[in-house]
C-alpha cells in the first residue's frame, strides 16, 4: 500500500499500469522492452557518472540497506549534513528515495538526477515547463519533508541530461498547478492501491512500450473501447462513456443530438471534433472499413522522389543516421537506399553524417522530399545550431519548404485523410497498406537500443539491422504516399 515516486510516475503515464503492476497476473505481462531496459541502465549509469563528477562533499547512503538508510537519512538531516546522496525518507504510507537532499535555509530541498530533459516544450523562444511525471515525484519528496518538519519550502530540483539544474517551484505558476496535480495523483494512487478504484484501460501513445500492451489491447478490443478511435483520449472516453459506451454505439448515434451551437454536452469537446470522431467510428464499423479523403489532396509530381527518415539516440543526443530511399519517375524498380550513418557516437561523426546528407540533398535539388511528421525538420534545425559552419538556418528552412518537401503526417494524413486503424503512426498505416518490415519488432526505440549495442560491441550484424530498419521506414513512407494517391473521397 506504500506510495512511492515510481508509483506516481506510473500513475501519470497510465493508471491501468499501476493497477496491473499491483494486482495483475504476472503471467500475462509481456517481456520488458529492450529499449525500456536500456533506459533503466543508462539512467543508472548517468546517475553514477553525475555523482562521480560532483566536486561538492556529500554523504553517500546509496549502498545502505533499506532500514539503515532510512534511519541514517533522518539522523543526517537532523545534524544538518549539507548534501545527502541516495537517502530514504518516509511518513505514514509515503516513501521517497530522492537522489539528493540538499541543506538550505530552513531545511532540505530534494532533487533527482534524470537522464532526460528537465522540461517539456522548450525551444529558442520559450524555456519550457517542468515535466508532470517528474514533478509528481519531486512533490512527493517535498510532501514527506514537510510532514517531517524538515523542508526548506515547497520546492525541489532536477539535474538533467544537459547538466542543468531545473527548479521545480510549487509556490508559483505553473508549479502551483503541478502541486495540485500531485495531490490529485496521491488520492488516486491510494484509491487504486486500496482497490477502491479500478481504472479503465485506454489506448495512448505510451502503450507500445508497456509490458501490459498485449493484455490491454485484448481487453480494449473485446470492450470495443472508444480510445481505439484515433485521437480519442481516455479523458474523452471517460466523459462520454455513460452516453456512448462503445465504438459500435458511437457509429449509430446522431451527433447533432449531443451538440449545442459550437459546443457539445461533453466537457472540452467541440461540435466539429465530435462530428469528426463520430465519422471515424462509422468508418471503423464499416463492412469492410475503408480509408478515404476528407478533403482533396494535391501533391505535385516530381521525376525524382526522396523518402527521408532520421534516427536519433536521445540519451546520447546524437543523430546517428540519415536515410533516403530514392525513386525515379514513380517506378519502384528504380529505388535505391542511400544511408549516412555516424561511424561512432561522437559529435565529429554526427557532424560528418549531417554534412554528407546535406551534400546528397544539394545534389538532388530538384527532387521531392517526403518525410513523416515534423521531427526531421526539428532535428535538422537542432543540427544546424550545433554545427552552424555547415549550413545556415535559412538553408534548413529552404530545404523543408513546400511544395518540394512534404510532411505526409502533418500536411496530408492529419489534415485530409481518414484511416480505419487505431492510430496514425507510419508503422500502423504502412502495415494496413500491406507493407512489412524485415525486423520482427521494428520501432525507433528498438533502433536506439541496437545503436547502443553496436557502439559497445561493433557487431556488423547489428549495424546492418539498423540500416535495414531505416530503409524499411523510408520505403514505408513511399508506400504511404502511393496509398494516399489512391484514396478517394
Foldseek 3Di string as FASTA:
>chain_A
DADELVLLLVVVVPVQLSLCVQDNDPVLFAPADLLVVVQVVLFVVQLVVVVVPDPDDEAEPQPPDDVVQAVVLVVCQVVPTQKYAQGWFDDDRYIYGARMWGDDPQATAGEHEELADQFPDDDPVDRHHGDLSVLLNSQSVQVRCVVVSGHPARKHWYQYNVRDTGIQHLVDPPNVVSNVVNVVSVVSSVCSNVVVDNDQDADDPVLVSGRNNVVNVVVCVVQQQLLLQAPCTPVNSVQCCVPQPHLVSLLPDDLVVQADVQDGVGPPDGSVRSVVSSVLSVQLPDPPRDKFWQDDDDADDAQKAWQWDWAAQNSLRAGFKIKIWIDGRLDPVRTDIDMQGQPASDPVSSLVSLLVVVVVCVVPVRYAYEYADCVVLVVVCVNCVVPVVSDHPVVSVVSCDPPRYDHCHPPPPVPIMHDNGSYDDLVGVLVVLPADQPDPDADSSVLSSLSVVCNVPVDPVSVVVNSSSRVSSSVSRVSVVVVSVPHYD
